[in-house]
Amino acid sequence: MKAENKKTDKKETLLEKTESISSGFKSSYLILFIIFVVISLSFVAYKRNAAWKDDLQLWGDVIGKSLNKARGYNNLGMTYYEQGQSNEAFKAYMTALRLKPDIPHVHYNLGLFYQEQGKLYKAIEEYRIVLQLKPDYPDAHNNLGNVYYNQGQIEEAKKEYISALRLKPDHPDAHNNLGNVYANQGQMDEAIKEFLTALKLGLNNAALHYNMGNAYKRQDLNEEAIREFELALKLRPDFSPAHEAIESLRRKFQTP
C-alpha cells in the first residue's frame, strides 16, 4: 500500500484515497471471507464429528466400566440411531435386552427402529411391551397410535392418542395426531381445535399447517386453507402436497 500512496497525486481528496484503498482491498477481502467461511464450516463439521465420537467413546467407557452395561448399550444404540446407523443401533439395543430384558426405554427405541423399517407388527409388539412395563409412558402411547393409524385402525389410534394426552396434556404431537383422527372421522371443528392446540404448544411444522389447511378446505374456508398451505411451504418449500393443494384451490376459483 505504501507504493500505491507514493504514486498518487498530493492533491487527491480523502474520498479518492478511500476509494483507492477500498478497491485495492476488495479482492483480498473476498478471498479472506471465503477462507473464513470454509474454515468455519469445517470447524462446525469437526465439532459435530467430535461430539459424536465423544458420545461413542463415552458409552463405550460406560459399557467397559459400569455394572449397568444395559443402559450403556441402550445409549450407544441411540447415538448410532441419531447418526443414521440403524443396523448398529439395532445390535446395541438387542445386546441391552439380552443383559436386562425389562428396560422400557430399550423396547421403546426398538419400537422406533421397527417403525422406521416398516415392520409395523414388530413395532406394535415392542410398544405394547413398553406399556406393560411402564403404563405411564405417553410417547409409547402416541407412537403406538401412529402405527395403528398407518394401518387404518383409526379407533385404536384414537384411544392411544387420548391415553397419551391423559398422561401428558401438553403433548403437541399427540394433539396433532388426534386432530388427524377427528379429520378422518369428519369432525372438522374438533380437528382444528386439536391442531390449534398443537400450534400453541410449540409444534410448528409443515405437516401441521398442511393438516390445518385440509381441515379448513373441507369446511369451504378457502382463504384460511390457502394461508395454512402457504405457511407449510414457507417452512418446507419442497412440500409437494401443499403446492398441489394450493393449485387445486386456485383452479377451482379461476374464472373462465
Protein backbone atom coordinates (compact mmCIF):
# COMPACT_ATOMS: atom_id res chain seq x y z
CA MET A 1 0.00 0.00 0.00
CA LYS A 2 2.94 2.41 0.60
CA ALA A 3 3.98 2.02 -3.04
CA GLU A 4 0.47 2.92 -4.17
CA ASN A 5 0.37 6.02 -1.94
CA LYS A 6 3.64 7.33 -3.36
CA LYS A 7 2.25 7.19 -6.87
CA THR A 8 -0.89 9.16 -6.03
CA ASP A 9 -1.09 12.91 -6.57
CA LYS A 10 -0.73 15.03 -3.44
CA LYS A 11 -3.88 16.95 -4.33
CA GLU A 12 -6.14 13.88 -4.34
CA THR A 13 -9.05 14.17 -1.95
CA LEU A 14 -9.68 11.99 1.10
CA LEU A 15 -12.58 10.42 -0.77
CA GLU A 16 -10.30 9.49 -3.67
CA LYS A 17 -7.82 7.94 -1.24
CA THR A 18 -10.58 5.96 0.39
CA GLU A 19 -11.86 4.70 -2.95
CA SER A 20 -8.33 3.74 -4.00
CA ILE A 21 -7.71 1.83 -0.78
CA SER A 22 -11.10 0.08 -0.82
CA SER A 23 -10.69 -1.04 -4.42
CA GLY A 24 -7.29 -2.43 -3.54
CA PHE A 25 -8.75 -4.48 -0.72
CA LYS A 26 -11.88 -5.80 -2.47
CA SER A 27 -10.41 -8.96 -3.93
CA SER A 28 -8.32 -9.67 -0.85
CA TYR A 29 -11.34 -9.17 1.42
CA LEU A 30 -13.42 -11.55 -0.69
CA ILE A 31 -10.72 -14.21 -0.56
CA LEU A 32 -10.35 -13.82 3.20
CA PHE A 33 -14.12 -14.02 3.63
CA ILE A 34 -14.32 -17.24 1.60
CA ILE A 35 -11.45 -18.73 3.60
CA PHE A 36 -13.20 -17.74 6.84
CA VAL A 37 -16.48 -19.39 5.73
CA VAL A 38 -14.69 -22.59 4.71
CA ILE A 39 -12.78 -22.71 8.00
CA SER A 40 -15.98 -22.02 9.97
CA LEU A 41 -17.90 -24.77 8.19
CA SER A 42 -15.01 -27.17 8.63
CA PHE A 43 -14.89 -26.32 12.32
CA VAL A 44 -18.64 -26.94 12.70
CA ALA A 45 -18.32 -30.30 10.94
CA TYR A 46 -15.29 -31.13 13.08
CA LYS A 47 -17.20 -30.27 16.27
CA ARG A 48 -20.17 -32.36 15.14
CA ASN A 49 -18.00 -35.37 14.36
CA ALA A 50 -16.00 -34.86 17.55
CA ALA A 51 -19.20 -34.74 19.61
CA TRP A 52 -20.42 -37.97 18.01
CA LYS A 53 -17.07 -39.65 18.61
CA ASP A 54 -17.13 -38.37 22.18
CA ASP A 55 -20.56 -39.93 22.69
CA LEU A 56 -19.40 -43.24 21.25
CA GLN A 57 -16.32 -43.16 23.46
CA LEU A 58 -18.40 -42.15 26.48
CA TRP A 59 -20.84 -45.01 26.18
CA GLY A 60 -18.05 -47.39 25.26
CA ASP A 61 -16.38 -46.44 28.55
CA VAL A 62 -19.67 -46.90 30.42
CA ILE A 63 -20.05 -50.37 28.92
CA GLY A 64 -16.48 -51.22 29.87
CA LYS A 65 -16.54 -49.88 33.42
CA SER A 66 -20.12 -49.78 34.67
CA LEU A 67 -22.14 -52.55 36.23
CA ASN A 68 -25.17 -51.11 34.38
CA LYS A 69 -23.98 -52.21 30.94
CA ALA A 70 -27.53 -52.46 29.56
CA ARG A 71 -28.01 -48.70 29.94
CA GLY A 72 -24.69 -48.12 28.21
CA TYR A 73 -25.69 -50.28 25.24
CA ASN A 74 -29.06 -48.51 25.01
CA ASN A 75 -27.41 -45.09 24.87
CA LEU A 76 -24.81 -46.37 22.45
CA GLY A 77 -27.68 -47.53 20.25
CA MET A 78 -29.31 -44.10 20.47
CA THR A 79 -26.05 -42.47 19.39
CA TYR A 80 -25.85 -44.77 16.36
CA TYR A 81 -29.54 -44.17 15.58
CA GLU A 82 -29.13 -40.38 15.63
CA GLN A 83 -26.29 -40.75 13.14
CA GLY A 84 -28.42 -42.84 10.79
CA GLN A 85 -26.59 -46.09 11.55
CA SER A 86 -29.75 -48.08 12.19
CA ASN A 87 -28.19 -51.53 11.96
CA GLU A 88 -25.55 -50.70 14.55
CA ALA A 89 -28.27 -49.20 16.74
CA PHE A 90 -30.32 -52.39 16.46
CA LYS A 91 -27.35 -54.53 17.53
CA ALA A 92 -26.75 -52.32 20.57
CA TYR A 93 -30.42 -52.44 21.60
CA MET A 94 -30.53 -56.22 21.31
CA THR A 95 -27.40 -56.52 23.41
CA ALA A 96 -29.00 -54.28 26.04
CA LEU A 97 -32.10 -56.50 26.12
CA ARG A 98 -30.04 -59.67 26.47
CA LEU A 99 -28.42 -58.12 29.53
CA LYS A 100 -31.65 -56.74 31.00
CA PRO A 101 -34.91 -57.61 29.20
CA ASP A 102 -37.22 -55.38 31.25
CA ILE A 103 -35.96 -51.87 30.39
CA PRO A 104 -38.90 -49.96 28.86
CA HIS A 105 -36.70 -47.35 27.14
CA VAL A 106 -34.85 -50.04 25.18
CA HIS A 107 -38.10 -51.60 23.98
CA TYR A 108 -39.31 -48.11 23.04
CA ASN A 109 -36.18 -47.44 20.98
CA LEU A 110 -36.52 -50.83 19.35
CA GLY A 111 -40.12 -49.94 18.50
CA LEU A 112 -38.87 -46.78 16.78
CA PHE A 113 -36.38 -48.86 14.83
CA TYR A 114 -39.04 -51.32 13.62
CA GLN A 115 -41.43 -48.46 12.82
CA GLU A 116 -38.77 -46.78 10.67
CA GLN A 117 -38.10 -50.08 8.91
CA GLY A 118 -41.80 -50.52 8.14
CA LYS A 119 -42.05 -53.60 10.36
CA LEU A 120 -45.22 -52.35 11.99
CA TYR A 121 -46.31 -55.56 13.71
CA LYS A 122 -42.95 -55.79 15.44
CA ALA A 123 -43.20 -52.11 16.38
CA ILE A 124 -46.64 -52.74 17.93
CA GLU A 125 -45.22 -55.65 19.89
CA GLU A 126 -42.41 -53.52 21.30
CA TYR A 127 -44.67 -50.60 22.23
CA ARG A 128 -47.05 -52.98 23.98
CA ILE A 129 -44.15 -54.38 25.98
CA VAL A 130 -43.18 -50.82 26.93
CA LEU A 131 -46.70 -50.14 28.21
CA GLN A 132 -46.76 -53.38 30.17
CA LEU A 133 -43.53 -52.37 31.89
CA LYS A 134 -44.39 -48.67 32.19
CA PRO A 135 -48.08 -47.83 31.60
CA ASP A 136 -47.46 -44.09 32.14
CA TYR A 137 -45.25 -43.69 29.05
CA PRO A 138 -47.00 -41.04 26.87
CA ASP A 139 -44.63 -41.28 23.91
CA ALA A 140 -45.20 -45.03 23.67
CA HIS A 141 -48.98 -44.45 23.55
CA ASN A 142 -48.51 -41.76 20.90
CA ASN A 143 -46.24 -43.88 18.71
CA LEU A 144 -48.44 -46.94 19.08
CA GLY A 145 -51.30 -44.71 17.94
CA ASN A 146 -49.26 -43.70 14.88
CA VAL A 147 -48.71 -47.33 13.92
CA TYR A 148 -52.41 -48.11 14.31
CA TYR A 149 -53.31 -45.02 12.27
CA ASN A 150 -50.97 -46.05 9.45
CA GLN A 151 -52.63 -49.47 9.43
CA GLY A 152 -56.08 -47.91 9.16
CA GLN A 153 -57.06 -48.84 12.73
CA ILE A 154 -58.44 -45.39 13.46
CA GLU A 155 -60.36 -46.12 16.67
CA GLU A 156 -57.37 -47.91 18.19
CA ALA A 157 -55.17 -44.97 17.24
CA LYS A 158 -57.64 -42.54 18.81
CA LYS A 159 -57.59 -44.45 22.12
CA GLU A 160 -53.80 -44.31 22.23
CA TYR A 161 -53.63 -40.58 21.50
CA ILE A 162 -56.20 -39.88 24.20
CA SER A 163 -54.20 -42.05 26.62
CA ALA A 164 -51.06 -40.09 25.78
CA LEU A 165 -52.87 -36.80 26.45
CA ARG A 166 -54.28 -38.02 29.75
CA LEU A 167 -50.71 -38.65 30.86
CA LYS A 168 -49.28 -35.53 29.25
CA PRO A 169 -51.90 -32.90 28.30
CA ASP A 170 -49.24 -30.64 26.75
CA HIS A 171 -48.03 -33.27 24.25
CA PRO A 172 -48.14 -31.34 20.94
CA ASP A 173 -47.63 -34.36 18.67
CA ALA A 174 -50.48 -36.25 20.31
CA HIS A 175 -52.79 -33.23 19.81
CA ASN A 176 -51.80 -33.05 16.13
CA ASN A 177 -52.31 -36.78 15.69
CA LEU A 178 -55.68 -36.71 17.44
CA GLY A 179 -56.60 -33.86 15.10
CA ASN A 180 -55.87 -36.16 12.16
CA VAL A 181 -58.18 -38.78 13.65
CA TYR A 182 -61.02 -36.26 14.01
CA ALA A 183 -60.43 -35.05 10.44
CA ASN A 184 -60.52 -38.66 9.24
CA GLN A 185 -63.87 -39.06 11.00
CA GLY A 186 -65.27 -35.85 9.52
CA GLN A 187 -65.21 -33.88 12.79
CA MET A 188 -63.55 -30.77 11.40
CA ASP A 189 -64.24 -28.43 14.32
CA GLU A 190 -62.64 -30.89 16.73
CA ALA A 191 -59.75 -31.45 14.32
CA ILE A 192 -58.99 -27.73 14.02
CA LYS A 193 -59.22 -27.35 17.80
CA GLU A 194 -56.55 -30.04 18.23
CA PHE A 195 -54.32 -28.57 15.52
CA LEU A 196 -54.51 -25.11 17.10
CA THR A 197 -53.66 -26.59 20.50
CA ALA A 198 -50.61 -28.31 18.99
CA LEU A 199 -49.55 -24.99 17.45
CA LYS A 200 -49.93 -23.16 20.77
CA LEU A 201 -47.80 -25.84 22.43
CA GLY A 202 -44.93 -25.11 20.06
CA LEU A 203 -45.40 -27.58 17.22
CA ASN A 204 -44.79 -25.58 14.06
CA ASN A 205 -44.00 -27.74 11.08
CA ALA A 206 -45.20 -28.11 7.51
CA ALA A 207 -47.30 -31.20 8.23
CA LEU A 208 -49.31 -29.44 10.95
CA HIS A 209 -50.12 -26.44 8.74
CA TYR A 210 -50.98 -28.79 5.87
CA ASN A 211 -53.36 -30.71 8.16
CA MET A 212 -55.00 -27.45 9.23
CA GLY A 213 -55.28 -26.35 5.61
CA ASN A 214 -57.07 -29.55 4.67
CA ALA A 215 -59.48 -29.17 7.58
CA TYR A 216 -60.30 -25.59 6.55
CA LYS A 217 -60.65 -26.68 2.92
CA ARG A 218 -63.20 -29.32 3.89
CA GLN A 219 -65.19 -26.59 5.66
CA ASP A 220 -65.04 -24.42 2.50
CA LEU A 221 -62.91 -21.88 4.37
CA ASN A 222 -60.68 -21.49 1.34
CA GLU A 223 -58.79 -18.34 2.31
CA GLU A 224 -57.83 -19.90 5.63
CA ALA A 225 -56.88 -23.10 3.83
CA ILE A 226 -54.59 -21.30 1.37
CA ARG A 227 -53.00 -19.38 4.25
CA GLU A 228 -52.14 -22.64 6.02
CA PHE A 229 -50.83 -24.29 2.85
CA GLU A 230 -48.62 -21.25 2.24
CA LEU A 231 -47.31 -21.44 5.80
CA ALA A 232 -46.50 -25.10 5.19
CA LEU A 233 -44.49 -24.12 2.10
CA LYS A 234 -42.73 -21.34 3.95
CA LEU A 235 -41.47 -23.92 6.43
CA ARG A 236 -40.77 -26.53 3.76
CA PRO A 237 -40.63 -25.19 0.21
CA ASP A 238 -40.37 -28.67 -1.34
CA PHE A 239 -43.57 -29.95 0.33
CA SER A 240 -45.40 -31.00 -2.83
CA PRO A 241 -48.81 -31.85 -1.22
CA ALA A 242 -49.15 -28.20 -0.14
CA HIS A 243 -48.23 -27.00 -3.66
CA GLU A 244 -50.84 -29.30 -5.16
CA ALA A 245 -53.50 -28.21 -2.65
CA ILE A 246 -52.96 -24.52 -3.42
CA GLU A 247 -53.06 -25.11 -7.18
CA SER A 248 -56.24 -27.16 -6.79
CA LEU A 249 -57.96 -24.36 -4.87
CA ARG A 250 -56.82 -21.68 -7.31
CA ARG A 251 -58.02 -23.67 -10.33
CA LYS A 252 -61.36 -24.14 -8.61
CA PHE A 253 -61.93 -20.39 -8.34
CA GLN A 254 -60.45 -19.30 -11.67
CA THR A 255 -62.95 -17.50 -13.86
CA PRO A 256 -63.25 -18.97 -17.37
